[in-house]
């Protein structure tokens, strides 16, 4: 599992900033590391106070992570001071990470200006040329989602996706998060969340859509209508995506044999397991495990 470094501010409400980055990255199977640039004192009503971490401390955090773990993907969020910008630029030029994602943080969700116009210009002209991917400049009201999207892109890039694939996967993830965040009324949003919870609980014993439809006391057809409306995916695709993600983690992080992993996830045989994995990933479990060892 390759680390991802996020360089950004701390949001005490966890709606954005380093806390949200860590949550998103971890949820998608990544390993988050951080260098904090600013600390906010805030509630859901707004920001009361800033404390900008001294540039030397920011530089020290970045150097410590880079020297010890060599992350290939770096995500950059809130930078409020020019001396902090200087040390970030210097670090990028020194360590040359493969991917640098800029999530330009300008406004808070309440419309508060977080950085000066001078800093916006400096970021545009000095930092932007060093980045491989820019997230659309934040308009404040969507800051949490923009932050989440950039973090998701970072994870998928670290897992070997192309930039185009990473953005597509991140958008699908964000669409799901938006549906959750909107707190939609009615059975559909509630049912979708119940399905996700059920998959987490039962994915090792069942991968059949009918099982989950019966468990949730709805028809398979209705369940499919709900999942396609919210995520654009069929129930089977959602089940298989989660299952393959968990299998990948087992192949990468344990010494269990392929047969042991197959039985652990409820497959009747190693051959059945291999056929399922190859259909979704294009390689056998053994080939996948070997390729991950080569990357390490």
C-alpha atoms as a PDB file:
ATOM      1  CA  UNK A   1       0.000   0.000   0.000  1.00  0.00           C
ATOM      2  CA  UNK A   2       1.673   3.210  -1.192  1.00  0.00           C
ATOM      3  CA  UNK A   3       1.383   6.367   0.928  1.00  0.00           C
ATOM      4  CA  UNK A   4      -0.227   9.611  -0.230  1.00  0.00           C
ATOM      5  CA  UNK A   5       0.968  12.932   1.191  1.00  0.00           C
ATOM      6  CA  UNK A   6      -1.614  15.660   1.688  1.00  0.00           C
ATOM      7  CA  UNK A   7      -0.303  19.184   2.310  1.00  0.00           C
ATOM      8  CA  UNK A   8      -3.157  21.298   3.597  1.00  0.00           C
ATOM      9  CA  UNK A   9      -4.885  22.898   6.557  1.00  0.00           C
ATOM     10  CA  UNK A  10      -6.692  21.372   9.509  1.00  0.00           C
ATOM     11  CA  UNK A  11     -10.484  21.707   9.684  1.00  0.00           C
ATOM     12  CA  UNK A  12     -11.663  21.064  13.221  1.00  0.00           C
ATOM     13  CA  UNK A  13     -15.153  20.158  11.983  1.00  0.00           C
ATOM     14  CA  UNK A  14     -13.640  17.507   9.643  1.00  0.00           C
ATOM     15  CA  UNK A  15     -15.775  18.734   6.762  1.00  0.00           C
ATOM     16  CA  UNK A  16     -12.675  19.456   4.719  1.00  0.00           C
ATOM     17  CA  UNK A  17      -8.924  19.807   5.182  1.00  0.00           C
ATOM     18  CA  UNK A  18      -6.571  17.122   6.371  1.00  0.00           C
ATOM     19  CA  UNK A  19      -9.242  15.306   8.374  1.00  0.00           C
ATOM     20  CA  UNK A  20     -11.466  14.864   5.322  1.00  0.00           C
ATOM     21  CA  UNK A  21      -8.448  13.854   3.211  1.00  0.00           C
ATOM     22  CA  UNK A  22      -7.483  11.129   5.639  1.00  0.00           C
ATOM     23  CA  UNK A  23     -11.065   9.869   5.821  1.00  0.00           C
ATOM     24  CA  UNK A  24     -11.494   9.684   2.038  1.00  0.00           C
ATOM     25  CA  UNK A  25      -8.069   8.202   1.349  1.00  0.00           C
ATOM     26  CA  UNK A  26      -8.496   5.560   4.039  1.00  0.00           C
ATOM     27  CA  UNK A  27     -12.034   4.712   2.936  1.00  0.00           C
ATOM     28  CA  UNK A  28     -10.781   4.018  -0.583  1.00  0.00           C
ATOM     29  CA  UNK A  29      -7.929   1.795   0.579  1.00  0.00           C
ATOM     30  CA  UNK A  30      -5.082   4.314   0.528  1.00  0.00           C
ATOM     31  CA  UNK A  31      -2.604   5.269   3.237  1.00  0.00           C
ATOM     32  CA  UNK A  32      -2.677   8.961   4.143  1.00  0.00           C
ATOM     33  CA  UNK A  33       0.215  11.015   5.465  1.00  0.00           C
ATOM     34  CA  UNK A  34       0.086  14.739   6.124  1.00  0.00           C
ATOM     35  CA  UNK A  35       1.891  18.040   6.398  1.00  0.00           C
ATOM     36  CA  UNK A  36      -0.363  20.625   8.041  1.00  0.00           C
ATOM     37  CA  UNK A  37      -0.069  24.212   6.832  1.00  0.00           C
ATOM     38  CA  UNK A  38      -2.709  25.956   8.941  1.00  0.00           C
ATOM     39  CA  UNK A  39      -4.930  25.208  11.917  1.00  0.00           C
ATOM     40  CA  UNK A  40      -8.422  26.620  12.111  1.00  0.00           C
ATOM     41  CA  UNK A  41     -10.695  27.282  15.041  1.00  0.00           C
ATOM     42  CA  UNK A  42     -14.140  26.794  13.571  1.00  0.00           C
ATOM     43  CA  UNK A  43     -17.618  25.430  13.998  1.00  0.00           C
ATOM     44  CA  UNK A  44     -20.335  24.672  11.473  1.00  0.00           C
ATOM     45  CA  UNK A  45     -21.167  28.392  11.617  1.00  0.00           C
ATOM     46  CA  UNK A  46     -17.781  29.514  10.316  1.00  0.00           C
ATOM     47  CA  UNK A  47     -14.101  30.094  11.058  1.00  0.00           C
ATOM     48  CA  UNK A  48     -13.231  32.057  14.185  1.00  0.00           C
ATOM     49  CA  UNK A  49      -9.437  31.984  14.012  1.00  0.00           C
ATOM     50  CA  UNK A  50      -6.445  30.859  11.951  1.00  0.00           C
ATOM     51  CA  UNK A  51      -3.021  29.745  13.065  1.00  0.00           C
ATOM     52  CA  UNK A  52      -0.604  29.378  10.170  1.00  0.00           C
ATOM     53  CA  UNK A  53       2.060  26.800  10.953  1.00  0.00           C
ATOM     54  CA  UNK A  54       5.583  28.267  10.554  1.00  0.00           C
ATOM     55  CA  UNK A  55       7.070  27.486   7.157  1.00  0.00           C
ATOM     56  CA  UNK A  56      10.061  25.731   8.727  1.00  0.00           C
ATOM     57  CA  UNK A  57       7.707  23.297  10.474  1.00  0.00           C
ATOM     58  CA  UNK A  58       5.792  22.680   7.251  1.00  0.00           C
ATOM     59  CA  UNK A  59       9.085  21.985   5.491  1.00  0.00           C
ATOM     60  CA  UNK A  60      10.112  19.615   8.274  1.00  0.00           C
ATOM     61  CA  UNK A  61       6.865  17.660   7.998  1.00  0.00           C
ATOM     62  CA  UNK A  62       7.257  17.289   4.239  1.00  0.00           C
ATOM     63  CA  UNK A  63      10.914  16.269   4.457  1.00  0.00           C
ATOM     64  CA  UNK A  64      10.174  13.703   7.157  1.00  0.00           C
ATOM     65  CA  UNK A  65       7.502  11.978   5.067  1.00  0.00           C
ATOM     66  CA  UNK A  66       9.402  12.221   1.795  1.00  0.00           C
ATOM     67  CA  UNK A  67      12.669  10.908   3.202  1.00  0.00           C
ATOM     68  CA  UNK A  68      11.061   8.048   5.086  1.00  0.00           C
ATOM     69  CA  UNK A  69       8.275   6.901   2.758  1.00  0.00           C
ATOM     70  CA  UNK A  70       8.819   8.462  -0.698  1.00  0.00           C
ATOM     71  CA  UNK A  71       5.144   8.953  -1.615  1.00  0.00           C
ATOM     72  CA  UNK A  72       4.595   9.176  -5.360  1.00  0.00           C
ATOM     73  CA  UNK A  73       1.340  11.125  -5.058  1.00  0.00           C
ATOM     74  CA  UNK A  74       1.040  14.506  -3.341  1.00  0.00           C
ATOM     75  CA  UNK A  75      -2.206  16.453  -2.862  1.00  0.00           C
ATOM     76  CA  UNK A  76      -2.007  20.162  -2.066  1.00  0.00           C
ATOM     77  CA  UNK A  77      -4.815  22.167  -0.510  1.00  0.00           C
ATOM     78  CA  UNK A  78      -4.702  25.262   1.692  1.00  0.00           C
ATOM     79  CA  UNK A  79      -1.560  27.424   1.525  1.00  0.00           C
ATOM     80  CA  UNK A  80      -2.023  30.875   3.057  1.00  0.00           C
ATOM     81  CA  UNK A  81       1.528  32.249   3.324  1.00  0.00           C
ATOM     82  CA  UNK A  82       4.203  32.962   0.753  1.00  0.00           C
ATOM     83  CA  UNK A  83       7.001  31.437   2.826  1.00  0.00           C
ATOM     84  CA  UNK A  84       4.932  28.251   3.109  1.00  0.00           C
ATOM     85  CA  UNK A  85       4.398  28.270  -0.642  1.00  0.00           C
ATOM     86  CA  UNK A  86       8.148  28.628  -1.092  1.00  0.00           C
ATOM     87  CA  UNK A  87       8.959  25.525   0.951  1.00  0.00           C
ATOM     88  CA  UNK A  88       6.255  23.490  -0.814  1.00  0.00           C
ATOM     89  CA  UNK A  89       7.613  24.458  -4.226  1.00  0.00           C
ATOM     90  CA  UNK A  90      11.172  23.692  -3.113  1.00  0.00           C
ATOM     91  CA  UNK A  91      10.080  20.251  -1.862  1.00  0.00           C
ATOM     92  CA  UNK A  92       8.281  19.405  -5.114  1.00  0.00           C
ATOM     93  CA  UNK A  93      11.345  20.394  -7.127  1.00  0.00           C
ATOM     94  CA  UNK A  94      13.613  18.343  -4.877  1.00  0.00           C
ATOM     95  CA  UNK A  95      11.595  15.144  -4.512  1.00  0.00           C
ATOM     96  CA  UNK A  96       9.788  15.122  -7.890  1.00  0.00           C
ATOM     97  CA  UNK A  97       6.698  13.051  -6.960  1.00  0.00           C
ATOM     98  CA  UNK A  98       5.041  11.356  -9.918  1.00  0.00           C
ATOM     99  CA  UNK A  99       1.675  13.060  -9.407  1.00  0.00           C
ATOM    100  CA  UNK A 100       0.920  16.432  -7.796  1.00  0.00           C
ATOM    101  CA  UNK A 101      -2.771  17.265  -7.392  1.00  0.00           C
ATOM    102  CA  UNK A 102      -3.800  20.846  -6.630  1.00  0.00           C
ATOM    103  CA  UNK A 103      -7.138  21.455  -4.930  1.00  0.00           C
ATOM    104  CA  UNK A 104      -7.189  25.248  -4.955  1.00  0.00           C
ATOM    105  CA  UNK A 105      -8.754  26.385  -1.668  1.00  0.00           C
ATOM    106  CA  UNK A 106      -9.945  29.987  -1.870  1.00  0.00           C
ATOM    107  CA  UNK A 107     -13.267  30.237  -0.032  1.00  0.00           C
ATOM    108  CA  UNK A 108     -14.777  28.489   2.944  1.00  0.00           C
ATOM    109  CA  UNK A 109     -18.233  26.918   2.723  1.00  0.00           C
ATOM    110  CA  UNK A 110     -19.574  30.129   4.284  1.00  0.00           C
ATOM    111  CA  UNK A 111     -17.958  32.362   1.680  1.00  0.00           C
ATOM    112  CA  UNK A 112     -15.058  33.472   3.851  1.00  0.00           C
ATOM    113  CA  UNK A 113     -11.896  34.387   1.930  1.00  0.00           C
ATOM    114  CA  UNK A 114      -9.169  31.979   3.063  1.00  0.00           C
ATOM    115  CA  UNK A 115      -6.204  33.361   1.107  1.00  0.00           C
ATOM    116  CA  UNK A 116      -5.280  36.772  -0.270  1.00  0.00           C
ATOM    117  CA  UNK A 117      -5.466  37.774  -3.918  1.00  0.00           C
ATOM    118  CA  UNK A 118      -1.660  37.965  -3.926  1.00  0.00           C
ATOM    119  CA  UNK A 119      -1.441  34.336  -2.777  1.00  0.00           C
ATOM    120  CA  UNK A 120      -3.927  33.284  -5.435  1.00  0.00           C
ATOM    121  CA  UNK A 121      -1.692  34.839  -8.095  1.00  0.00           C
ATOM    122  CA  UNK A 122       1.439  33.250  -6.613  1.00  0.00           C
ATOM    123  CA  UNK A 123      -0.174  29.811  -6.576  1.00  0.00           C
ATOM    124  CA  UNK A 124      -1.388  30.275 -10.140  1.00  0.00           C
ATOM    125  CA  UNK A 125       1.971  31.345 -11.558  1.00  0.00           C
ATOM    126  CA  UNK A 126       4.448  29.450  -9.364  1.00  0.00           C
ATOM    127  CA  UNK A 127       2.782  26.298  -8.036  1.00  0.00           C
ATOM    128  CA  UNK A 128       0.407  25.417 -10.843  1.00  0.00           C
ATOM    129  CA  UNK A 129       3.177  24.658 -13.388  1.00  0.00           C
ATOM    130  CA  UNK A 130       4.529  21.974 -11.038  1.00  0.00           C
ATOM    131  CA  UNK A 131       1.197  20.156 -10.775  1.00  0.00           C
ATOM    132  CA  UNK A 132       0.045  17.259 -12.926  1.00  0.00           C
ATOM    133  CA  UNK A 133      -3.657  17.691 -12.188  1.00  0.00           C
ATOM    134  CA  UNK A 134      -5.814  20.626 -11.050  1.00  0.00           C
ATOM    135  CA  UNK A 135      -9.179  20.344  -9.520  1.00  0.00           C
ATOM    136  CA  UNK A 136     -11.590  23.082 -10.526  1.00  0.00           C
ATOM    137  CA  UNK A 137     -11.158  26.162  -8.321  1.00  0.00           C
ATOM    138  CA  UNK A 138     -13.443  25.946  -5.344  1.00  0.00           C
ATOM    139  CA  UNK A 139     -16.527  28.162  -5.153  1.00  0.00           C
ATOM    140  CA  UNK A 140     -16.939  27.716  -1.424  1.00  0.00           C
ATOM    141  CA  UNK A 141     -20.256  25.898  -1.297  1.00  0.00           C
ATOM    142  CA  UNK A 142     -18.749  22.789  -2.858  1.00  0.00           C
ATOM    143  CA  UNK A 143     -15.428  22.890  -1.035  1.00  0.00           C
ATOM    144  CA  UNK A 144     -15.982  19.695   0.895  1.00  0.00           C
ATOM    145  CA  UNK A 145     -16.864  17.800  -2.278  1.00  0.00           C
ATOM    146  CA  UNK A 146     -13.962  19.313  -4.220  1.00  0.00           C
ATOM    147  CA  UNK A 147     -11.620  18.277  -1.438  1.00  0.00           C
ATOM    148  CA  UNK A 148     -13.080  14.766  -1.389  1.00  0.00           C
ATOM    149  CA  UNK A 149     -12.833  14.474  -5.176  1.00  0.00           C
ATOM    150  CA  UNK A 150      -9.147  15.463  -5.201  1.00  0.00           C
ATOM    151  CA  UNK A 151      -8.378  12.953  -2.455  1.00  0.00           C
ATOM    152  CA  UNK A 152     -10.182  10.208  -4.361  1.00  0.00           C
ATOM    153  CA  UNK A 153      -8.204  11.028  -7.511  1.00  0.00           C
ATOM    154  CA  UNK A 154      -5.002  10.791  -5.467  1.00  0.00           C
ATOM    155  CA  UNK A 155      -5.923   7.311  -4.235  1.00  0.00           C
ATOM    156  CA  UNK A 156      -6.767   5.952  -7.671  1.00  0.00           C
ATOM    157  CA  UNK A 157      -3.553   7.389  -9.131  1.00  0.00           C
ATOM    158  CA  UNK A 158      -1.563   5.729  -6.351  1.00  0.00           C
ATOM    159  CA  UNK A 159      -3.256   2.442  -7.230  1.00  0.00           C
ATOM    160  CA  UNK A 160      -2.021   2.630 -10.805  1.00  0.00           C
ATOM    161  CA  UNK A 161      -4.961   4.190 -12.652  1.00  0.00           C
ATOM    162  CA  UNK A 162      -4.274   6.604 -15.487  1.00  0.00           C
ATOM    163  CA  UNK A 163      -5.260  10.253 -14.829  1.00  0.00           C
ATOM    164  CA  UNK A 164      -8.380   9.794 -16.962  1.00  0.00           C
ATOM    165  CA  UNK A 165      -9.381   6.600 -15.149  1.00  0.00           C
ATOM    166  CA  UNK A 166      -8.652   8.175 -11.761  1.00  0.00           C
ATOM    167  CA  UNK A 167     -10.871  11.151 -12.512  1.00  0.00           C
ATOM    168  CA  UNK A 168     -13.687   8.926 -13.770  1.00  0.00           C
ATOM    169  CA  UNK A 169     -13.570   6.698 -10.690  1.00  0.00           C
ATOM    170  CA  UNK A 170     -13.350   9.724  -8.392  1.00  0.00           C
ATOM    171  CA  UNK A 171     -16.411  11.285 -10.018  1.00  0.00           C
ATOM    172  CA  UNK A 172     -18.402   8.092  -9.528  1.00  0.00           C
ATOM    173  CA  UNK A 173     -17.347   8.080  -5.884  1.00  0.00           C
ATOM    174  CA  UNK A 174     -18.324  11.744  -5.492  1.00  0.00           C
ATOM    175  CA  UNK A 175     -21.746  11.134  -7.032  1.00  0.00           C
ATOM    176  CA  UNK A 176     -22.399   8.583  -4.332  1.00  0.00           C
ATOM    177  CA  UNK A 177     -21.132  10.929  -1.621  1.00  0.00           C
ATOM    178  CA  UNK A 178     -23.327  13.745  -2.938  1.00  0.00           C
ATOM    179  CA  UNK A 179     -26.388  11.560  -2.683  1.00  0.00           C
ATOM    180  CA  UNK A 180     -25.524  10.767   0.897  1.00  0.00           C
ATOM    181  CA  UNK A 181     -24.736  14.398   1.739  1.00  0.00           C
ATOM    182  CA  UNK A 182     -27.993  15.659   0.280  1.00  0.00           C
ATOM    183  CA  UNK A 183     -29.924  13.528   2.787  1.00  0.00           C
ATOM    184  CA  UNK A 184     -32.549  12.709   0.198  1.00  0.00           C
ATOM    185  CA  UNK A 185     -36.038  11.981   1.373  1.00  0.00           C
ATOM    186  CA  UNK A 186     -37.728   8.699   0.627  1.00  0.00           C
ATOM    187  CA  UNK A 187     -36.968   5.022   0.610  1.00  0.00           C
ATOM    188  CA  UNK A 188     -34.328   5.101  -2.145  1.00  0.00           C
ATOM    189  CA  UNK A 189     -31.495   6.892  -0.325  1.00  0.00           C
ATOM    190  CA  UNK A 190     -32.151   4.954   2.871  1.00  0.00           C
ATOM    191  CA  UNK A 191     -32.205   1.686   0.968  1.00  0.00           C
ATOM    192  CA  UNK A 192     -28.972   2.482  -0.854  1.00  0.00           C
ATOM    193  CA  UNK A 193     -27.129   3.121   2.405  1.00  0.00           C
ATOM    194  CA  UNK A 194     -28.606  -0.059   3.890  1.00  0.00           C
ATOM    195  CA  UNK A 195     -27.306  -1.981   0.882  1.00  0.00           C
ATOM    196  CA  UNK A 196     -23.788  -0.609   1.344  1.00  0.00           C
ATOM    197  CA  UNK A 197     -23.849  -1.557   5.022  1.00  0.00           C
ATOM    198  CA  UNK A 198     -25.144  -5.031   4.190  1.00  0.00           C
ATOM    199  CA  UNK A 199     -22.382  -5.593   1.637  1.00  0.00           C
ATOM    200  CA  UNK A 200     -19.747  -4.671   4.192  1.00  0.00           C
ATOM    201  CA  UNK A 201     -21.247  -7.150   6.645  1.00  0.00           C
ATOM    202  CA  UNK A 202     -22.026 -10.064   4.305  1.00  0.00           C
ATOM    203  CA  UNK A 203     -19.634  -9.819   1.325  1.00  0.00           C
ATOM    204  CA  UNK A 204     -17.676 -12.892   2.442  1.00  0.00           C
ATOM    205  CA  UNK A 205     -20.735 -15.084   2.470  1.00  0.00           C
ATOM    206  CA  UNK A 206     -22.881 -13.760  -0.356  1.00  0.00           C
ATOM    207  CA  UNK A 207     -22.408 -11.983  -3.675  1.00  0.00           C
ATOM    208  CA  UNK A 208     -25.828 -12.670  -5.176  1.00  0.00           C
ATOM    209  CA  UNK A 209     -28.148  -9.702  -5.718  1.00  0.00           C
ATOM    210  CA  UNK A 210     -31.185 -11.743  -4.682  1.00  0.00           C
ATOM    211  CA  UNK A 211     -29.611 -12.356  -1.269  1.00  0.00           C
ATOM    212  CA  UNK A 212     -29.315  -8.633  -0.600  1.00  0.00           C
ATOM    213  CA  UNK A 213     -32.732  -7.844  -2.060  1.00  0.00           C
ATOM    214  CA  UNK A 214     -34.325 -10.436   0.237  1.00  0.00           C
ATOM    215  CA  UNK A 215     -32.315  -9.150   3.184  1.00  0.00           C
ATOM    216  CA  UNK A 216     -33.597  -5.620   2.552  1.00  0.00           C
ATOM    217  CA  UNK A 217     -37.142  -6.886   1.806  1.00  0.00           C
ATOM    218  CA  UNK A 218     -37.344  -5.420  -1.703  1.00  0.00           C
ATOM    219  CA  UNK A 219     -37.380  -6.873  -5.198  1.00  0.00           C
ATOM    220  CA  UNK A 220     -34.148  -7.211  -7.141  1.00  0.00           C
ATOM    221  CA  UNK A 221     -35.615  -4.976  -9.833  1.00  0.00           C
ATOM    222  CA  UNK A 222     -36.401  -2.161  -7.412  1.00  0.00           C
ATOM    223  CA  UNK A 223     -32.959  -2.456  -5.842  1.00  0.00           C
ATOM    224  CA  UNK A 224     -31.408  -2.102  -9.303  1.00  0.00           C
ATOM    225  CA  UNK A 225     -33.477   0.998 -10.013  1.00  0.00           C
ATOM    226  CA  UNK A 226     -32.270   2.579  -6.780  1.00  0.00           C
ATOM    227  CA  UNK A 227     -28.590   1.824  -7.274  1.00  0.00           C
ATOM    228  CA  UNK A 228     -28.584   3.001 -10.887  1.00  0.00           C
ATOM    229  CA  UNK A 229     -30.287   6.255  -9.939  1.00  0.00           C
ATOM    230  CA  UNK A 230     -27.852   7.018  -7.140  1.00  0.00           C
ATOM    231  CA  UNK A 231     -24.540   5.595  -8.350  1.00  0.00           C
ATOM    232  CA  UNK A 232     -25.082   4.701 -12.007  1.00  0.00           C
ATOM    233  CA  UNK A 233     -24.176   1.089 -11.187  1.00  0.00           C
ATOM    234  CA  UNK A 234     -26.104  -2.154 -10.926  1.00  0.00           C
ATOM    235  CA  UNK A 235     -26.317  -3.878  -7.526  1.00  0.00           C
ATOM    236  CA  UNK A 236     -24.057  -6.631  -8.852  1.00  0.00           C
ATOM    237  CA  UNK A 237     -21.409  -4.123  -9.916  1.00  0.00           C
ATOM    238  CA  UNK A 238     -21.468  -2.502  -6.465  1.00  0.00           C
ATOM    239  CA  UNK A 239     -21.163  -5.884  -4.758  1.00  0.00           C
ATOM    240  CA  UNK A 240     -18.354  -7.015  -7.058  1.00  0.00           C
ATOM    241  CA  UNK A 241     -16.468  -3.703  -6.741  1.00  0.00           C
ATOM    242  CA  UNK A 242     -16.435  -3.992  -2.968  1.00  0.00           C
ATOM    243  CA  UNK A 243     -15.556  -7.672  -3.075  1.00  0.00           C
ATOM    244  CA  UNK A 244     -12.672  -7.193  -5.497  1.00  0.00           C
ATOM    245  CA  UNK A 245     -11.353  -4.296  -3.414  1.00  0.00           C
ATOM    246  CA  UNK A 246     -11.272  -6.471  -0.296  1.00  0.00           C
ATOM    247  CA  UNK A 247      -9.662  -9.338  -2.207  1.00  0.00           C
ATOM    248  CA  UNK A 248      -6.952  -7.014  -3.532  1.00  0.00           C
ATOM    249  CA  UNK A 249      -6.162  -5.916   0.011  1.00  0.00           C
ATOM    250  CA  UNK A 250      -5.817  -9.558   1.075  1.00  0.00           C
ATOM    251  CA  UNK A 251      -3.538 -10.362  -1.852  1.00  0.00           C
ATOM    252  CA  UNK A 252      -1.361  -7.323  -1.160  1.00  0.00           C
ATOM    253  CA  UNK A 253      -1.206  -7.398   2.622  1.00  0.00           C
ATOM    254  CA  UNK A 254      -1.258 -11.089   3.649  1.00  0.00           C
ATOM    255  CA  UNK A 255       0.714 -14.252   2.966  1.00  0.00           C
ATOM    256  CA  UNK A 256      -2.415 -16.375   2.677  1.00  0.00           C
ATOM    257  CA  UNK A 257      -2.466 -18.649  -0.357  1.00  0.00           C
ATOM    258  CA  UNK A 258      -4.823 -17.917  -3.231  1.00  0.00           C
ATOM    259  CA  UNK A 259      -6.847 -20.965  -2.244  1.00  0.00           C
ATOM    260  CA  UNK A 260      -7.148 -19.759   1.366  1.00  0.00           C
ATOM    261  CA  UNK A 261      -8.311 -16.340   0.197  1.00  0.00           C
ATOM    262  CA  UNK A 262     -10.788 -17.960  -2.187  1.00  0.00           C
ATOM    263  CA  UNK A 263     -12.427 -19.942   0.594  1.00  0.00           C
ATOM    264  CA  UNK A 264     -12.322 -16.969   2.952  1.00  0.00           C
ATOM    265  CA  UNK A 265     -14.477 -15.026   0.506  1.00  0.00           C
ATOM    266  CA  UNK A 266     -16.958 -17.819   0.024  1.00  0.00           C
ATOM    267  CA  UNK A 267     -15.866 -19.164  -3.371  1.00  0.00           C
ATOM    268  CA  UNK A 268     -16.551 -22.839  -3.968  1.00  0.00           C
ATOM    269  CA  UNK A 269     -13.134 -23.429  -5.534  1.00  0.00           C
ATOM    270  CA  UNK A 270      -9.877 -21.732  -6.408  1.00  0.00           C
ATOM    271  CA  UNK A 271     -10.771 -22.048 -10.088  1.00  0.00           C
ATOM    272  CA  UNK A 272     -14.062 -20.198  -9.564  1.00  0.00           C
ATOM    273  CA  UNK A 273     -12.245 -17.514  -7.580  1.00  0.00           C
ATOM    274  CA  UNK A 274      -9.562 -17.101 -10.248  1.00  0.00           C
ATOM    275  CA  UNK A 275     -12.187 -16.830 -13.010  1.00  0.00           C
ATOM    276  CA  UNK A 276     -14.063 -14.128 -11.065  1.00  0.00           C
ATOM    277  CA  UNK A 277     -10.912 -12.134 -10.324  1.00  0.00           C
ATOM    278  CA  UNK A 278      -9.568 -12.360 -13.877  1.00  0.00           C
ATOM    279  CA  UNK A 279     -12.880 -11.258 -15.339  1.00  0.00           C
ATOM    280  CA  UNK A 280     -12.826  -8.041 -13.316  1.00  0.00           C
ATOM    281  CA  UNK A 281      -9.092  -7.307 -13.229  1.00  0.00           C
ATOM    282  CA  UNK A 282      -7.781  -8.864 -16.435  1.00  0.00           C
ATOM    283  CA  UNK A 283      -5.134 -10.902 -14.591  1.00  0.00           C
ATOM    284  CA  UNK A 284      -5.171 -13.896 -12.274  1.00  0.00           C
ATOM    285  CA  UNK A 285      -4.841 -13.426  -8.494  1.00  0.00           C
ATOM    286  CA  UNK A 286      -1.337 -14.870  -8.647  1.00  0.00           C
ATOM    287  CA  UNK A 287      -0.296 -12.489 -11.429  1.00  0.00           C
ATOM    288  CA  UNK A 288      -1.795  -9.560  -9.538  1.00  0.00           C
ATOM    289  CA  UNK A 289       0.118 -10.470  -6.382  1.00  0.00           C
ATOM    290  CA  UNK A 290       3.391 -10.765  -8.306  1.00  0.00           C
ATOM    291  CA  UNK A 291       2.888  -7.378  -9.967  1.00  0.00           C
ATOM    292  CA  UNK A 292       2.250  -5.726  -6.596  1.00  0.00           C
ATOM    293  CA  UNK A 293       5.466  -7.196  -5.200  1.00  0.00           C
ATOM    294  CA  UNK A 294       7.375  -5.804  -8.173  1.00  0.00           C
ATOM    295  CA  UNK A 295       5.926  -2.319  -7.501  1.00  0.00           C
ATOM    296  CA  UNK A 296       7.088  -2.494  -3.875  1.00  0.00           C
END
